[in-house]
């Protein structure tokens, strides 16, 4: 079974930042939910990153309303 939290190395790789404070800023900027622990290290749920990645892969759909009503985009 996969771990619940990203490892510190995975968070570092994801954010390209070493310091916890910089990682927290970058995660917030990226829209990745996290919680800082008692020493400030961001805890990131693995599922949150996977679901964010999946959401970004959605194919754009045509504007069906415009097509049905003959409106230009």
PDB file of N, CA and C in Angstrom:
ATOM      1  N   UNK A   1       0.850  -1.186   0.000  1.00  0.00           N
ATOM      2  CA  UNK A   1       0.000   0.000   0.000  1.00  0.00           C
ATOM      3  C   UNK A   1       0.890   1.242   0.000  1.00  0.00           C
ATOM      4  N   UNK A   2       0.508   2.222  -0.751  1.00  0.00           N
ATOM      5  CA  UNK A   2       1.280   3.467  -0.848  1.00  0.00           C
ATOM      6  C   UNK A   2       1.139   4.257   0.450  1.00  0.00           C
ATOM      7  N   UNK A   3       2.147   5.035   0.749  1.00  0.00           N
ATOM      8  CA  UNK A   3       2.122   5.895   1.929  1.00  0.00           C
ATOM      9  C   UNK A   3       1.071   6.987   1.763  1.00  0.00           C
ATOM     10  N   UNK A   4       0.529   7.436   2.873  1.00  0.00           N
ATOM     11  CA  UNK A   4      -0.473   8.501   2.855  1.00  0.00           C
ATOM     12  C   UNK A   4       0.141   9.836   2.476  1.00  0.00           C
ATOM     13  N   UNK A   5       1.345  10.129   3.017  1.00  0.00           N
ATOM     14  CA  UNK A   5       1.992  11.419   2.830  1.00  0.00           C
ATOM     15  C   UNK A   5       3.142  11.307   1.850  1.00  0.00           C
ATOM     16  N   UNK A   6       3.397  12.389   1.105  1.00  0.00           N
ATOM     17  CA  UNK A   6       4.610  12.456   0.299  1.00  0.00           C
ATOM     18  C   UNK A   6       5.810  12.488   1.236  1.00  0.00           C
ATOM     19  N   UNK A   7       6.906  11.902   0.809  1.00  0.00           N
ATOM     20  CA  UNK A   7       8.121  11.947   1.605  1.00  0.00           C
ATOM     21  C   UNK A   7       8.716  13.355   1.518  1.00  0.00           C
ATOM     22  N   UNK A   8       9.596  13.702   2.460  1.00  0.00           N
ATOM     23  CA  UNK A   8      10.255  15.012   2.365  1.00  0.00           C
ATOM     24  C   UNK A   8      10.991  15.195   1.035  1.00  0.00           C
ATOM     25  N   UNK A   9      11.614  14.140   0.532  1.00  0.00           N
ATOM     26  CA  UNK A   9      12.301  14.233  -0.766  1.00  0.00           C
ATOM     27  C   UNK A   9      11.312  14.489  -1.902  1.00  0.00           C
ATOM     28  N   UNK A  10      10.138  13.872  -1.855  1.00  0.00           N
ATOM     29  CA  UNK A  10       9.134  14.080  -2.902  1.00  0.00           C
ATOM     30  C   UNK A  10       8.594  15.509  -2.874  1.00  0.00           C
ATOM     31  N   UNK A  11       8.403  16.053  -1.680  1.00  0.00           N
ATOM     32  CA  UNK A  11       7.940  17.441  -1.566  1.00  0.00           C
ATOM     33  C   UNK A  11       9.010  18.384  -2.115  1.00  0.00           C
ATOM     34  N   UNK A  12      10.266  18.070  -1.800  1.00  0.00           N
ATOM     35  CA  UNK A  12      11.375  18.878  -2.307  1.00  0.00           C
ATOM     36  C   UNK A  12      11.415  18.827  -3.833  1.00  0.00           C
ATOM     37  N   UNK A  13      11.243  17.650  -4.389  1.00  0.00           N
ATOM     38  CA  UNK A  13      11.250  17.508  -5.849  1.00  0.00           C
ATOM     39  C   UNK A  13      10.056  18.212  -6.480  1.00  0.00           C
ATOM     40  N   UNK A  14       8.898  18.094  -5.863  1.00  0.00           N
ATOM     41  CA  UNK A  14       7.680  18.714  -6.387  1.00  0.00           C
ATOM     42  C   UNK A  14       7.794  20.230  -6.420  1.00  0.00           C
ATOM     43  N   UNK A  15       8.357  20.796  -5.358  1.00  0.00           N
ATOM     44  CA  UNK A  15       8.413  22.252  -5.234  1.00  0.00           C
ATOM     45  C   UNK A  15       9.704  22.862  -5.754  1.00  0.00           C
ATOM     46  N   UNK A  16      10.741  22.046  -5.910  1.00  0.00           N
ATOM     47  CA  UNK A  16      12.084  22.519  -6.275  1.00  0.00           C
ATOM     48  C   UNK A  16      12.602  23.513  -5.232  1.00  0.00           C
ATOM     49  N   UNK A  17      12.221  23.298  -3.985  1.00  0.00           N
ATOM     50  CA  UNK A  17      12.647  24.150  -2.874  1.00  0.00           C
ATOM     51  C   UNK A  17      13.178  23.261  -1.753  1.00  0.00           C
ATOM     52  N   UNK A  18      14.179  23.774  -1.017  1.00  0.00           N
ATOM     53  CA  UNK A  18      14.784  23.028   0.090  1.00  0.00           C
ATOM     54  C   UNK A  18      14.158  23.390   1.441  1.00  0.00           C
ATOM     55  N   UNK A  19      14.003  24.687   1.697  1.00  0.00           N
ATOM     56  CA  UNK A  19      13.507  25.128   3.004  1.00  0.00           C
ATOM     57  C   UNK A  19      11.999  24.907   3.102  1.00  0.00           C
ATOM     58  N   UNK A  20      11.574  24.522   4.306  1.00  0.00           N
ATOM     59  CA  UNK A  20      10.155  24.243   4.522  1.00  0.00           C
ATOM     60  C   UNK A  20       9.279  25.456   4.218  1.00  0.00           C
ATOM     61  N   UNK A  21       9.713  26.641   4.624  1.00  0.00           N
ATOM     62  CA  UNK A  21       8.903  27.840   4.391  1.00  0.00           C
ATOM     63  C   UNK A  21       8.734  28.090   2.890  1.00  0.00           C
ATOM     64  N   UNK A  22       9.799  27.875   2.130  1.00  0.00           N
ATOM     65  CA  UNK A  22       9.727  28.055   0.674  1.00  0.00           C
ATOM     66  C   UNK A  22       8.851  26.977   0.047  1.00  0.00           C
ATOM     67  N   UNK A  23       8.913  25.764   0.580  1.00  0.00           N
ATOM     68  CA  UNK A  23       8.054  24.687   0.077  1.00  0.00           C
ATOM     69  C   UNK A  23       6.588  25.024   0.308  1.00  0.00           C
ATOM     70  N   UNK A  24       6.273  25.538   1.496  1.00  0.00           N
ATOM     71  CA  UNK A  24       4.890  25.915   1.802  1.00  0.00           C
ATOM     72  C   UNK A  24       4.389  27.001   0.855  1.00  0.00           C
ATOM     73  N   UNK A  25       5.220  28.008   0.600  1.00  0.00           N
ATOM     74  CA  UNK A  25       4.819  29.070  -0.335  1.00  0.00           C
ATOM     75  C   UNK A  25       4.565  28.510  -1.727  1.00  0.00           C
ATOM     76  N   UNK A  26       5.458  27.644  -2.193  1.00  0.00           N
ATOM     77  CA  UNK A  26       5.325  27.091  -3.540  1.00  0.00           C
ATOM     78  C   UNK A  26       4.093  26.195  -3.642  1.00  0.00           C
ATOM     79  N   UNK A  27       3.849  25.363  -2.626  1.00  0.00           N
ATOM     80  CA  UNK A  27       2.666  24.503  -2.635  1.00  0.00           C
ATOM     81  C   UNK A  27       1.389  25.344  -2.686  1.00  0.00           C
ATOM     82  N   UNK A  28       1.343  26.418  -1.917  1.00  0.00           N
ATOM     83  CA  UNK A  28       0.172  27.302  -1.931  1.00  0.00           C
ATOM     84  C   UNK A  28      -0.006  27.929  -3.305  1.00  0.00           C
ATOM     85  N   UNK A  29       1.102  28.353  -3.905  1.00  0.00           N
ATOM     86  CA  UNK A  29       1.077  28.940  -5.244  1.00  0.00           C
ATOM     87  C   UNK A  29       0.568  27.938  -6.279  1.00  0.00           C
ATOM     88  N   UNK A  30       0.933  26.679  -6.100  1.00  0.00           N
ATOM     89  CA  UNK A  30       0.536  25.617  -7.024  1.00  0.00           C
ATOM     90  C   UNK A  30      -0.880  25.105  -6.761  1.00  0.00           C
ATOM     91  N   UNK A  31      -1.490  25.530  -5.667  1.00  0.00           N
ATOM     92  CA  UNK A  31      -2.836  25.071  -5.327  1.00  0.00           C
ATOM     93  C   UNK A  31      -2.871  23.667  -4.759  1.00  0.00           C
ATOM     94  N   UNK A  32      -1.752  23.209  -4.219  1.00  0.00           N
ATOM     95  CA  UNK A  32      -1.678  21.865  -3.627  1.00  0.00           C
ATOM     96  C   UNK A  32      -1.979  21.996  -2.138  1.00  0.00           C
ATOM     97  N   UNK A  33      -3.021  21.321  -1.652  1.00  0.00           N
ATOM     98  CA  UNK A  33      -3.331  21.418  -0.222  1.00  0.00           C
ATOM     99  C   UNK A  33      -2.246  20.746   0.619  1.00  0.00           C
ATOM    100  N   UNK A  34      -1.927  21.353   1.757  1.00  0.00           N
ATOM    101  CA  UNK A  34      -0.918  20.821   2.664  1.00  0.00           C
ATOM    102  C   UNK A  34      -1.199  21.334   4.063  1.00  0.00           C
ATOM    103  N   UNK A  35      -0.530  20.718   5.033  1.00  0.00           N
ATOM    104  CA  UNK A  35      -0.579  21.171   6.425  1.00  0.00           C
ATOM    105  C   UNK A  35       0.842  21.197   6.951  1.00  0.00           C
ATOM    106  N   UNK A  36       1.278  22.299   7.515  1.00  0.00           N
ATOM    107  CA  UNK A  36       2.607  22.300   8.121  1.00  0.00           C
ATOM    108  C   UNK A  36       2.553  21.552   9.451  1.00  0.00           C
ATOM    109  N   UNK A  37       3.582  20.745   9.725  1.00  0.00           N
ATOM    110  CA  UNK A  37       3.625  20.051  11.008  1.00  0.00           C
ATOM    111  C   UNK A  37       4.246  20.972  12.059  1.00  0.00           C
ATOM    112  N   UNK A  38       4.553  20.445  13.223  1.00  0.00           N
ATOM    113  CA  UNK A  38       5.035  21.257  14.340  1.00  0.00           C
ATOM    114  C   UNK A  38       6.343  21.992  14.032  1.00  0.00           C
ATOM    115  N   UNK A  39       7.175  21.459  13.145  1.00  0.00           N
ATOM    116  CA  UNK A  39       8.439  22.122  12.812  1.00  0.00           C
ATOM    117  C   UNK A  39       8.365  22.882  11.495  1.00  0.00           C
ATOM    118  N   UNK A  40       7.164  22.948  10.906  1.00  0.00           N
ATOM    119  CA  UNK A  40       6.983  23.723   9.686  1.00  0.00           C
ATOM    120  C   UNK A  40       7.104  22.941   8.399  1.00  0.00           C
ATOM    121  N   UNK A  41       7.417  21.642   8.490  1.00  0.00           N
ATOM    122  CA  UNK A  41       7.520  20.834   7.273  1.00  0.00           C
ATOM    123  C   UNK A  41       6.123  20.619   6.709  1.00  0.00           C
ATOM    124  N   UNK A  42       5.931  20.909   5.409  1.00  0.00           N
ATOM    125  CA  UNK A  42       4.603  20.726   4.822  1.00  0.00           C
ATOM    126  C   UNK A  42       4.271  19.244   4.640  1.00  0.00           C
ATOM    127  N   UNK A  43       3.122  18.860   5.133  1.00  0.00           N
ATOM    128  CA  UNK A  43       2.619  17.504   4.948  1.00  0.00           C
ATOM    129  C   UNK A  43       1.631  17.541   3.793  1.00  0.00           C
ATOM    130  N   UNK A  44       1.912  16.756   2.766  1.00  0.00           N
ATOM    131  CA  UNK A  44       1.098  16.743   1.558  1.00  0.00           C
ATOM    132  C   UNK A  44       0.553  15.339   1.378  1.00  0.00           C
ATOM    133  N   UNK A  45      -0.760  15.221   1.313  1.00  0.00           N
ATOM    134  CA  UNK A  45      -1.356  13.910   1.075  1.00  0.00           C
ATOM    135  C   UNK A  45      -1.091  13.496  -0.369  1.00  0.00           C
ATOM    136  N   UNK A  46      -0.648  12.280  -0.525  1.00  0.00           N
ATOM    137  CA  UNK A  46      -0.324  11.748  -1.852  1.00  0.00           C
ATOM    138  C   UNK A  46      -1.538  11.845  -2.779  1.00  0.00           C
ATOM    139  N   UNK A  47      -2.701  11.533  -2.272  1.00  0.00           N
ATOM    140  CA  UNK A  47      -3.919  11.552  -3.086  1.00  0.00           C
ATOM    141  C   UNK A  47      -4.236  12.952  -3.602  1.00  0.00           C
ATOM    142  N   UNK A  48      -3.905  13.983  -2.808  1.00  0.00           N
ATOM    143  CA  UNK A  48      -4.157  15.359  -3.240  1.00  0.00           C
ATOM    144  C   UNK A  48      -3.340  15.697  -4.473  1.00  0.00           C
ATOM    145  N   UNK A  49      -2.110  15.233  -4.509  1.00  0.00           N
ATOM    146  CA  UNK A  49      -1.252  15.502  -5.668  1.00  0.00           C
ATOM    147  C   UNK A  49      -1.733  14.699  -6.863  1.00  0.00           C
ATOM    148  N   UNK A  50      -2.115  13.446  -6.634  1.00  0.00           N
ATOM    149  CA  UNK A  50      -2.583  12.613  -7.737  1.00  0.00           C
ATOM    150  C   UNK A  50      -3.894  13.139  -8.303  1.00  0.00           C
ATOM    151  N   UNK A  51      -4.800  13.586  -7.454  1.00  0.00           N
ATOM    152  CA  UNK A  51      -6.082  14.098  -7.956  1.00  0.00           C
ATOM    153  C   UNK A  51      -5.893  15.426  -8.676  1.00  0.00           C
ATOM    154  N   UNK A  52      -4.935  16.259  -8.229  1.00  0.00           N
ATOM    155  CA  UNK A  52      -4.640  17.514  -8.917  1.00  0.00           C
ATOM    156  C   UNK A  52      -4.078  17.238 -10.300  1.00  0.00           C
ATOM    157  N   UNK A  53      -3.220  16.244 -10.399  1.00  0.00           N
ATOM    158  CA  UNK A  53      -2.626  15.893 -11.689  1.00  0.00           C
ATOM    159  C   UNK A  53      -3.698  15.364 -12.636  1.00  0.00           C
ATOM    160  N   UNK A  54      -4.610  14.561 -12.118  1.00  0.00           N
ATOM    161  CA  UNK A  54      -5.683  14.015 -12.960  1.00  0.00           C
ATOM    162  C   UNK A  54      -6.615  15.119 -13.439  1.00  0.00           C
ATOM    163  N   UNK A  55      -6.912  16.074 -12.561  1.00  0.00           N
ATOM    164  CA  UNK A  55      -7.811  17.180 -12.929  1.00  0.00           C
ATOM    165  C   UNK A  55      -7.211  18.019 -14.041  1.00  0.00           C
ATOM    166  N   UNK A  56      -5.909  18.155 -14.064  1.00  0.00           N
ATOM    167  CA  UNK A  56      -5.254  18.954 -15.086  1.00  0.00           C
ATOM    168  C   UNK A  56      -5.213  18.291 -16.440  1.00  0.00           C
ATOM    169  N   UNK A  57      -5.545  17.016 -16.502  1.00  0.00           N
ATOM    170  CA  UNK A  57      -5.488  16.269 -17.763  1.00  0.00           C
ATOM    171  C   UNK A  57      -6.817  16.247 -18.512  1.00  0.00           C
ATOM    172  N   UNK A  58      -7.828  16.937 -18.014  1.00  0.00           N
ATOM    173  CA  UNK A  58      -9.120  16.911 -18.686  1.00  0.00           C
ATOM    174  C   UNK A  58      -9.005  17.512 -20.079  1.00  0.00           C
ATOM    175  N   UNK A  59      -9.643  16.849 -21.021  1.00  0.00           N
ATOM    176  CA  UNK A  59      -9.674  17.367 -22.384  1.00  0.00           C
ATOM    177  C   UNK A  59     -10.664  18.517 -22.441  1.00  0.00           C
ATOM    178  N   UNK A  60     -10.303  19.560 -23.147  1.00  0.00           N
ATOM    179  CA  UNK A  60     -11.261  20.664 -23.275  1.00  0.00           C
ATOM    180  C   UNK A  60     -12.459  20.229 -24.104  1.00  0.00           C
ATOM    181  N   UNK A  61     -13.629  20.658 -23.660  1.00  0.00           N
ATOM    182  CA  UNK A  61     -14.847  20.310 -24.394  1.00  0.00           C
ATOM    183  C   UNK A  61     -15.315  21.518 -25.185  1.00  0.00           C
ATOM    184  N   UNK A  62     -16.004  21.252 -26.282  1.00  0.00           N
ATOM    185  CA  UNK A  62     -16.556  22.369 -27.054  1.00  0.00           C
ATOM    186  C   UNK A  62     -17.607  23.117 -26.234  1.00  0.00           C
ATOM    187  N   UNK A  63     -17.838  24.350 -26.585  1.00  0.00           N
ATOM    188  CA  UNK A  63     -18.884  25.124 -25.946  1.00  0.00           C
ATOM    189  C   UNK A  63     -20.200  24.701 -26.596  1.00  0.00           C
ATOM    190  N   UNK A  64     -20.832  23.694 -25.991  1.00  0.00           N
ATOM    191  CA  UNK A  64     -22.039  23.108 -26.581  1.00  0.00           C
ATOM    192  C   UNK A  64     -23.168  24.129 -26.676  1.00  0.00           C
ATOM    193  N   UNK A  65     -23.265  25.018 -25.714  1.00  0.00           N
ATOM    194  CA  UNK A  65     -24.318  26.029 -25.737  1.00  0.00           C
ATOM    195  C   UNK A  65     -24.170  26.925 -26.967  1.00  0.00           C
ATOM    196  N   UNK A  66     -22.941  27.311 -27.253  1.00  0.00           N
ATOM    197  CA  UNK A  66     -22.684  28.159 -28.423  1.00  0.00           C
ATOM    198  C   UNK A  66     -22.990  27.391 -29.713  1.00  0.00           C
ATOM    199  N   UNK A  67     -22.641  26.132 -29.741  1.00  0.00           N
ATOM    200  CA  UNK A  67     -22.890  25.330 -30.944  1.00  0.00           C
ATOM    201  C   UNK A  67     -24.390  25.167 -31.178  1.00  0.00           C
ATOM    202  N   UNK A  68     -25.129  24.884 -30.099  1.00  0.00           N
ATOM    203  CA  UNK A  68     -26.582  24.662 -30.241  1.00  0.00           C
ATOM    204  C   UNK A  68     -27.336  25.954 -30.554  1.00  0.00           C
ATOM    205  N   UNK A  69     -26.774  27.082 -30.165  1.00  0.00           N
ATOM    206  CA  UNK A  69     -27.476  28.350 -30.412  1.00  0.00           C
ATOM    207  C   UNK A  69     -26.825  29.174 -31.507  1.00  0.00           C
ATOM    208  N   UNK A  70     -25.867  28.609 -32.203  1.00  0.00           N
ATOM    209  CA  UNK A  70     -25.249  29.282 -33.329  1.00  0.00           C
ATOM    210  C   UNK A  70     -24.430  30.494 -32.967  1.00  0.00           C
ATOM    211  N   UNK A  71     -23.852  30.500 -31.770  1.00  0.00           N
ATOM    212  CA  UNK A  71     -23.054  31.648 -31.340  1.00  0.00           C
ATOM    213  C   UNK A  71     -21.579  31.355 -31.566  1.00  0.00           C
ATOM    214  N   UNK A  72     -20.845  32.395 -31.899  1.00  0.00           N
ATOM    215  CA  UNK A  72     -19.405  32.254 -32.052  1.00  0.00           C
ATOM    216  C   UNK A  72     -18.740  32.229 -30.681  1.00  0.00           C
ATOM    217  N   UNK A  73     -17.616  31.560 -30.599  1.00  0.00           N
ATOM    218  CA  UNK A  73     -16.924  31.462 -29.296  1.00  0.00           C
ATOM    219  C   UNK A  73     -16.312  32.759 -28.892  1.00  0.00           C
TER     220      UNK A  73
END
